[in-house]
PDB file of N, CA and C in Angstrom:
ATOM      1  N   MET A   1      -6.335  12.905   5.583  1.00  0.00           N
ATOM      2  CA  MET A   1      -5.060  12.303   5.261  1.00  0.00           C
ATOM      3  C   MET A   1      -4.012  13.402   5.074  1.00  0.00           C
ATOM      4  N   LYS A   2      -2.856  13.221   5.717  1.00  0.00           N
ATOM      5  CA  LYS A   2      -1.779  14.203   5.599  1.00  0.00           C
ATOM      6  C   LYS A   2      -1.115  14.122   4.234  1.00  0.00           C
ATOM      7  N   LYS A   3      -0.737  15.267   3.722  1.00  0.00           N
ATOM      8  CA  LYS A   3       0.084  15.298   2.515  1.00  0.00           C
ATOM      9  C   LYS A   3       1.526  15.077   2.931  1.00  0.00           C
ATOM     10  N   THR A   4       2.270  14.356   2.108  1.00  0.00           N
ATOM     11  CA  THR A   4       3.661  14.040   2.399  1.00  0.00           C
ATOM     12  C   THR A   4       4.565  14.717   1.386  1.00  0.00           C
ATOM     13  N   VAL A   5       5.660  15.298   1.884  1.00  0.00           N
ATOM     14  CA  VAL A   5       6.624  15.959   1.013  1.00  0.00           C
ATOM     15  C   VAL A   5       8.028  15.454   1.326  1.00  0.00           C
ATOM     16  N   LEU A   6       8.908  15.536   0.329  1.00  0.00           N
ATOM     17  CA  LEU A   6      10.328  15.239   0.497  1.00  0.00           C
ATOM     18  C   LEU A   6      11.085  16.517   0.194  1.00  0.00           C
ATOM     19  N   ILE A   7      11.890  16.968   1.148  1.00  0.00           N
ATOM     20  CA  ILE A   7      12.651  18.201   0.985  1.00  0.00           C
ATOM     21  C   ILE A   7      14.126  17.872   1.105  1.00  0.00           C
ATOM     22  N   SER A   8      14.878  18.160   0.078  1.00  0.00           N
ATOM     23  CA  SER A   8      16.327  17.963   0.160  1.00  0.00           C
ATOM     24  C   SER A   8      16.951  19.200   0.805  1.00  0.00           C
ATOM     25  N   GLY A   9      18.111  19.011   1.395  1.00  0.00           N
ATOM     26  CA  GLY A   9      18.807  20.134   2.010  1.00  0.00           C
ATOM     27  C   GLY A   9      18.149  20.652   3.274  1.00  0.00           C
ATOM     28  N   SER A  10      17.506  19.763   4.029  1.00  0.00           N
ATOM     29  CA  SER A  10      16.752  20.179   5.217  1.00  0.00           C
ATOM     30  C   SER A  10      17.609  20.418   6.450  1.00  0.00           C
ATOM     31  N   GLY A  11      18.911  20.257   6.322  1.00  0.00           N
ATOM     32  CA  GLY A  11      19.785  20.461   7.466  1.00  0.00           C
ATOM     33  C   GLY A  11      20.058  21.921   7.778  1.00  0.00           C
ATOM     34  N   SER A  12      19.867  22.799   6.787  1.00  0.00           N
ATOM     35  CA  SER A  12      20.157  24.217   7.011  1.00  0.00           C
ATOM     36  C   SER A  12      19.509  25.068   5.920  1.00  0.00           C
ATOM     37  N   GLY A  13      19.563  26.360   6.116  1.00  0.00           N
ATOM     38  CA  GLY A  13      19.121  27.312   5.095  1.00  0.00           C
ATOM     39  C   GLY A  13      17.659  27.200   4.701  1.00  0.00           C
ATOM     40  N   MET A  14      17.420  27.380   3.406  1.00  0.00           N
ATOM     41  CA  MET A  14      16.044  27.371   2.888  1.00  0.00           C
ATOM     42  C   MET A  14      15.370  26.014   3.036  1.00  0.00           C
ATOM     43  N   GLY A  15      16.148  24.936   2.918  1.00  0.00           N
ATOM     44  CA  GLY A  15      15.570  23.605   3.096  1.00  0.00           C
ATOM     45  C   GLY A  15      15.039  23.410   4.506  1.00  0.00           C
ATOM     46  N   LEU A  16      15.816  23.872   5.500  1.00  0.00           N
ATOM     47  CA  LEU A  16      15.387  23.780   6.894  1.00  0.00           C
ATOM     48  C   LEU A  16      14.159  24.633   7.139  1.00  0.00           C
ATOM     49  N   LEU A  17      14.184  25.860   6.640  1.00  0.00           N
ATOM     50  CA  LEU A  17      13.047  26.758   6.813  1.00  0.00           C
ATOM     51  C   LEU A  17      11.785  26.189   6.163  1.00  0.00           C
ATOM     52  N   THR A  18      11.931  25.611   4.985  1.00  0.00           N
ATOM     53  CA  THR A  18      10.794  25.001   4.294  1.00  0.00           C
ATOM     54  C   THR A  18      10.260  23.815   5.090  1.00  0.00           C
ATOM     55  N   ALA A  19      11.165  22.964   5.585  1.00  0.00           N
ATOM     56  CA  ALA A  19      10.738  21.806   6.381  1.00  0.00           C
ATOM     57  C   ALA A  19       9.980  22.260   7.626  1.00  0.00           C
ATOM     58  N   GLN A  20      10.507  23.240   8.336  1.00  0.00           N
ATOM     59  CA  GLN A  20       9.853  23.725   9.545  1.00  0.00           C
ATOM     60  C   GLN A  20       8.481  24.318   9.248  1.00  0.00           C
ATOM     61  N   THR A  21       8.394  25.079   8.174  1.00  0.00           N
ATOM     62  CA  THR A  21       7.117  25.690   7.791  1.00  0.00           C
ATOM     63  C   THR A  21       6.079  24.630   7.478  1.00  0.00           C
ATOM     64  N   LEU A  22       6.463  23.616   6.701  1.00  0.00           N
ATOM     65  CA  LEU A  22       5.509  22.580   6.318  1.00  0.00           C
ATOM     66  C   LEU A  22       5.139  21.676   7.495  1.00  0.00           C
ATOM     67  N   ILE A  23       6.072  21.445   8.404  1.00  0.00           N
ATOM     68  CA  ILE A  23       5.746  20.692   9.623  1.00  0.00           C
ATOM     69  C   ILE A  23       4.654  21.432  10.389  1.00  0.00           C
ATOM     70  N   LYS A  24       4.830  22.748  10.557  1.00  0.00           N
ATOM     71  CA  LYS A  24       3.834  23.554  11.273  1.00  0.00           C
ATOM     72  C   LYS A  24       2.488  23.564  10.557  1.00  0.00           C
ATOM     73  N   GLU A  25       2.508  23.454   9.227  1.00  0.00           N
ATOM     74  CA  GLU A  25       1.275  23.470   8.434  1.00  0.00           C
ATOM     75  C   GLU A  25       0.583  22.102   8.410  1.00  0.00           C
ATOM     76  N   GLY A  26       1.195  21.093   9.029  1.00  0.00           N
ATOM     77  CA  GLY A  26       0.540  19.792   9.135  1.00  0.00           C
ATOM     78  C   GLY A  26       0.965  18.749   8.122  1.00  0.00           C
ATOM     79  N   TYR A  27       1.972  19.034   7.329  1.00  0.00           N
ATOM     80  CA  TYR A  27       2.470  18.059   6.362  1.00  0.00           C
ATOM     81  C   TYR A  27       3.317  16.997   7.065  1.00  0.00           C
ATOM     82  N   ALA A  28       3.335  15.808   6.500  1.00  0.00           N
ATOM     83  CA  ALA A  28       4.293  14.778   6.902  1.00  0.00           C
ATOM     84  C   ALA A  28       5.544  15.042   6.074  1.00  0.00           C
ATOM     85  N   VAL A  29       6.639  15.391   6.734  1.00  0.00           N
ATOM     86  CA  VAL A  29       7.845  15.829   6.040  1.00  0.00           C
ATOM     87  C   VAL A  29       8.920  14.751   6.091  1.00  0.00           C
ATOM     88  N   ASN A  30       9.418  14.374   4.931  1.00  0.00           N
ATOM     89  CA  ASN A  30      10.630  13.567   4.814  1.00  0.00           C
ATOM     90  C   ASN A  30      11.741  14.570   4.547  1.00  0.00           C
ATOM     91  N   ALA A  31      12.591  14.750   5.550  1.00  0.00           N
ATOM     92  CA  ALA A  31      13.620  15.790   5.485  1.00  0.00           C
ATOM     93  C   ALA A  31      14.958  15.182   5.095  1.00  0.00           C
ATOM     94  N   GLY A  32      15.440  15.536   3.929  1.00  0.00           N
ATOM     95  CA  GLY A  32      16.712  15.019   3.445  1.00  0.00           C
ATOM     96  C   GLY A  32      17.885  15.763   4.048  1.00  0.00           C
ATOM     97  N   VAL A  33      18.754  15.016   4.726  1.00  0.00           N
ATOM     98  CA  VAL A  33      19.946  15.572   5.365  1.00  0.00           C
ATOM     99  C   VAL A  33      21.105  14.633   5.067  1.00  0.00           C
ATOM    100  N   ARG A  34      22.276  15.184   4.790  1.00  0.00           N
ATOM    101  CA  ARG A  34      23.451  14.337   4.586  1.00  0.00           C
ATOM    102  C   ARG A  34      23.940  13.802   5.921  1.00  0.00           C
ATOM    103  N   ASP A  35      24.159  12.509   5.993  1.00  0.00           N
ATOM    104  CA  ASP A  35      24.743  11.848   7.164  1.00  0.00           C
ATOM    105  C   ASP A  35      24.013  12.193   8.465  1.00  0.00           C
ATOM    106  N   PRO A  36      22.692  11.932   8.543  1.00  0.00           N
ATOM    107  CA  PRO A  36      21.920  12.332   9.717  1.00  0.00           C
ATOM    108  C   PRO A  36      22.244  11.550  10.991  1.00  0.00           C
ATOM    109  N   HIS A  37      22.945  10.441  10.867  1.00  0.00           N
ATOM    110  CA  HIS A  37      23.302   9.666  12.059  1.00  0.00           C
ATOM    111  C   HIS A  37      24.783   9.783  12.379  1.00  0.00           C
ATOM    112  N   GLY A  38      25.463  10.670  11.672  1.00  0.00           N
ATOM    113  CA  GLY A  38      26.889  10.916  11.879  1.00  0.00           C
ATOM    114  C   GLY A  38      27.118  12.387  12.159  1.00  0.00           C
ATOM    115  N   ARG A  39      27.805  13.023  11.231  1.00  0.00           N
ATOM    116  CA  ARG A  39      28.197  14.425  11.442  1.00  0.00           C
ATOM    117  C   ARG A  39      27.027  15.399  11.529  1.00  0.00           C
ATOM    118  N   SER A  40      25.860  15.018  10.993  1.00  0.00           N
ATOM    119  CA  SER A  40      24.684  15.906  11.051  1.00  0.00           C
ATOM    120  C   SER A  40      23.653  15.437  12.073  1.00  0.00           C
ATOM    121  N   SER A  41      24.083  14.636  13.040  1.00  0.00           N
ATOM    122  CA  SER A  41      23.125  14.106  14.019  1.00  0.00           C
ATOM    123  C   SER A  41      22.482  15.224  14.851  1.00  0.00           C
ATOM    124  N   ALA A  42      23.220  16.281  15.158  1.00  0.00           N
ATOM    125  CA  ALA A  42      22.641  17.397  15.919  1.00  0.00           C
ATOM    126  C   ALA A  42      21.536  18.087  15.116  1.00  0.00           C
ATOM    127  N   ARG A  43      21.720  18.196  13.811  1.00  0.00           N
ATOM    128  CA  ARG A  43      20.685  18.804  12.954  1.00  0.00           C
ATOM    129  C   ARG A  43      19.446  17.919  12.914  1.00  0.00           C
ATOM    130  N   ARG A  44      19.669  16.590  12.807  1.00  0.00           N
ATOM    131  CA  ARG A  44      18.536  15.650  12.814  1.00  0.00           C
ATOM    132  C   ARG A  44      17.765  15.761  14.125  1.00  0.00           C
ATOM    133  N   GLU A  45      18.485  15.741  15.238  1.00  0.00           N
ATOM    134  CA  GLU A  45      17.843  15.806  16.549  1.00  0.00           C
ATOM    135  C   GLU A  45      17.070  17.107  16.734  1.00  0.00           C
ATOM    136  N   ALA A  46      17.618  18.215  16.257  1.00  0.00           N
ATOM    137  CA  ALA A  46      16.937  19.507  16.369  1.00  0.00           C
ATOM    138  C   ALA A  46      15.655  19.538  15.542  1.00  0.00           C
ATOM    139  N   LEU A  47      15.697  18.970  14.359  1.00  0.00           N
ATOM    140  CA  LEU A  47      14.504  18.943  13.505  1.00  0.00           C
ATOM    141  C   LEU A  47      13.434  18.026  14.096  1.00  0.00           C
ATOM    142  N   GLU A  48      13.848  16.894  14.644  1.00  0.00           N
ATOM    143  CA  GLU A  48      12.889  15.988  15.298  1.00  0.00           C
ATOM    144  C   GLU A  48      12.270  16.646  16.534  1.00  0.00           C
ATOM    145  N   ALA A  49      13.077  17.372  17.304  1.00  0.00           N
ATOM    146  CA  ALA A  49      12.560  18.084  18.477  1.00  0.00           C
ATOM    147  C   ALA A  49      11.572  19.172  18.058  1.00  0.00           C
ATOM    148  N   PHE A  50      11.886  19.880  16.981  1.00  0.00           N
ATOM    149  CA  PHE A  50      10.985  20.914  16.462  1.00  0.00           C
ATOM    150  C   PHE A  50       9.630  20.305  16.115  1.00  0.00           C
ATOM    151  N   ALA A  51       9.650  19.174  15.426  1.00  0.00           N
ATOM    152  CA  ALA A  51       8.397  18.516  15.028  1.00  0.00           C
ATOM    153  C   ALA A  51       7.592  18.092  16.262  1.00  0.00           C
ATOM    154  N   ARG A  52       8.270  17.540  17.263  1.00  0.00           N
ATOM    155  CA  ARG A  52       7.572  17.143  18.495  1.00  0.00           C
ATOM    156  C   ARG A  52       6.913  18.339  19.160  1.00  0.00           C
ATOM    157  N   GLU A  53       7.636  19.450  19.257  1.00  0.00           N
ATOM    158  CA  GLU A  53       7.102  20.656  19.889  1.00  0.00           C
ATOM    159  C   GLU A  53       5.884  21.204  19.151  1.00  0.00           C
ATOM    160  N   CYS A  54       5.870  21.034  17.834  1.00  0.00           N
ATOM    161  CA  CYS A  54       4.759  21.533  17.010  1.00  0.00           C
ATOM    162  C   CYS A  54       3.647  20.516  16.854  1.00  0.00           C
ATOM    163  N   GLY A  55       3.863  19.299  17.354  1.00  0.00           N
ATOM    164  CA  GLY A  55       2.884  18.240  17.145  1.00  0.00           C
ATOM    165  C   GLY A  55       2.870  17.770  15.705  1.00  0.00           C
ATOM    166  N   GLY A  56       4.004  17.930  15.013  1.00  0.00           N
ATOM    167  CA  GLY A  56       4.084  17.570  13.602  1.00  0.00           C
ATOM    168  C   GLY A  56       4.777  16.243  13.370  1.00  0.00           C
ATOM    169  N   THR A  57       4.961  15.940  12.093  1.00  0.00           N
ATOM    170  CA  THR A  57       5.558  14.675  11.690  1.00  0.00           C
ATOM    171  C   THR A  57       6.770  14.938  10.804  1.00  0.00           C
ATOM    172  N   VAL A  58       7.915  14.344  11.180  1.00  0.00           N
ATOM    173  CA  VAL A  58       9.107  14.437  10.349  1.00  0.00           C
ATOM    174  C   VAL A  58       9.833  13.103  10.387  1.00  0.00           C
ATOM    175  N   LYS A  59      10.348  12.725   9.237  1.00  0.00           N
ATOM    176  CA  LYS A  59      11.230  11.566   9.128  1.00  0.00           C
ATOM    177  C   LYS A  59      12.490  12.084   8.444  1.00  0.00           C
ATOM    178  N   VAL A  60      13.605  12.060   9.164  1.00  0.00           N
ATOM    179  CA  VAL A  60      14.858  12.541   8.592  1.00  0.00           C
ATOM    180  C   VAL A  60      15.503  11.392   7.830  1.00  0.00           C
ATOM    181  N   VAL A  61      15.780  11.628   6.552  1.00  0.00           N
ATOM    182  CA  VAL A  61      16.346  10.587   5.694  1.00  0.00           C
ATOM    183  C   VAL A  61      17.697  11.030   5.162  1.00  0.00           C
ATOM    184  N   ASP A  62      18.573  10.067   4.932  1.00  0.00           N
ATOM    185  CA  ASP A  62      19.919  10.333   4.426  1.00  0.00           C
ATOM    186  C   ASP A  62      19.853  10.490   2.912  1.00  0.00           C
ATOM    187  N   LEU A  63      20.103  11.689   2.453  1.00  0.00           N
ATOM    188  CA  LEU A  63      20.145  11.944   1.011  1.00  0.00           C
ATOM    189  C   LEU A  63      21.560  12.341   0.619  1.00  0.00           C
ATOM    190  N   GLY A  64      22.510  11.493   0.952  1.00  0.00           N
ATOM    191  CA  GLY A  64      23.904  11.757   0.606  1.00  0.00           C
ATOM    192  C   GLY A  64      24.068  11.933  -0.887  1.00  0.00           C
ATOM    193  N   ARG A  65      24.885  12.861  -1.253  1.00  0.00           N
ATOM    194  CA  ARG A  65      25.095  13.199  -2.658  1.00  0.00           C
ATOM    195  C   ARG A  65      25.622  11.990  -3.435  1.00  0.00           C
ATOM    196  N   GLY A  66      24.962  11.677  -4.524  1.00  0.00           N
ATOM    197  CA  GLY A  66      25.436  10.627  -5.418  1.00  0.00           C
ATOM    198  C   GLY A  66      25.066   9.213  -5.034  1.00  0.00           C
ATOM    199  N   LEU A  67      24.287   9.040  -3.983  1.00  0.00           N
ATOM    200  CA  LEU A  67      23.924   7.685  -3.570  1.00  0.00           C
ATOM    201  C   LEU A  67      22.458   7.426  -3.898  1.00  0.00           C
ATOM    202  N   ILE A  68      22.218   6.774  -4.993  1.00  0.00           N
ATOM    203  CA  ILE A  68      20.844   6.536  -5.471  1.00  0.00           C
ATOM    204  C   ILE A  68      20.036   5.715  -4.477  1.00  0.00           C
ATOM    205  N   THR A  69      20.668   4.844  -3.716  1.00  0.00           N
ATOM    206  CA  THR A  69      19.927   4.038  -2.744  1.00  0.00           C
ATOM    207  C   THR A  69      19.292   4.931  -1.680  1.00  0.00           C
ATOM    208  N   HIS A  70      19.911   6.037  -1.336  1.00  0.00           N
ATOM    209  CA  HIS A  70      19.321   6.950  -0.366  1.00  0.00           C
ATOM    210  C   HIS A  70      18.040   7.559  -0.914  1.00  0.00           C
ATOM    211  N   CYS A  71      18.028   7.879  -2.178  1.00  0.00           N
ATOM    212  CA  CYS A  71      16.845   8.470  -2.794  1.00  0.00           C
ATOM    213  C   CYS A  71      15.703   7.464  -2.894  1.00  0.00           C
ATOM    214  N   THR A  72      16.005   6.241  -3.251  1.00  0.00           N
ATOM    215  CA  THR A  72      14.938   5.256  -3.425  1.00  0.00           C
ATOM    216  C   THR A  72      14.356   4.804  -2.100  1.00  0.00           C
ATOM    217  N   THR A  73      15.138   4.827  -1.003  1.00  0.00           N
ATOM    218  CA  THR A  73      14.593   4.444   0.296  1.00  0.00           C
ATOM    219  C   THR A  73      13.783   5.557   0.922  1.00  0.00           C
ATOM    220  N   ALA A  74      14.017   6.818   0.497  1.00  0.00           N
ATOM    221  CA  ALA A  74      13.242   7.933   1.031  1.00  0.00           C
ATOM    222  C   ALA A  74      11.838   7.862   0.489  1.00  0.00           C
TER     223      ALA A  74
END
């Protein structure tokens, strides 16, 4: 059974690096990105492509600042 993690800030920087590392290590990653279907859609698509290339699992979730519904649906 895969371990599942939720990483906030997965669109760039340390959050992105952590998500990529854990995807490669076989974790199921829920990657928190602000507005993944809008202004950050390129970041979402790149992370999904990375997971496909590695044979990993990623679900990009909207963790917009201050929206509790985003956190509970993740």
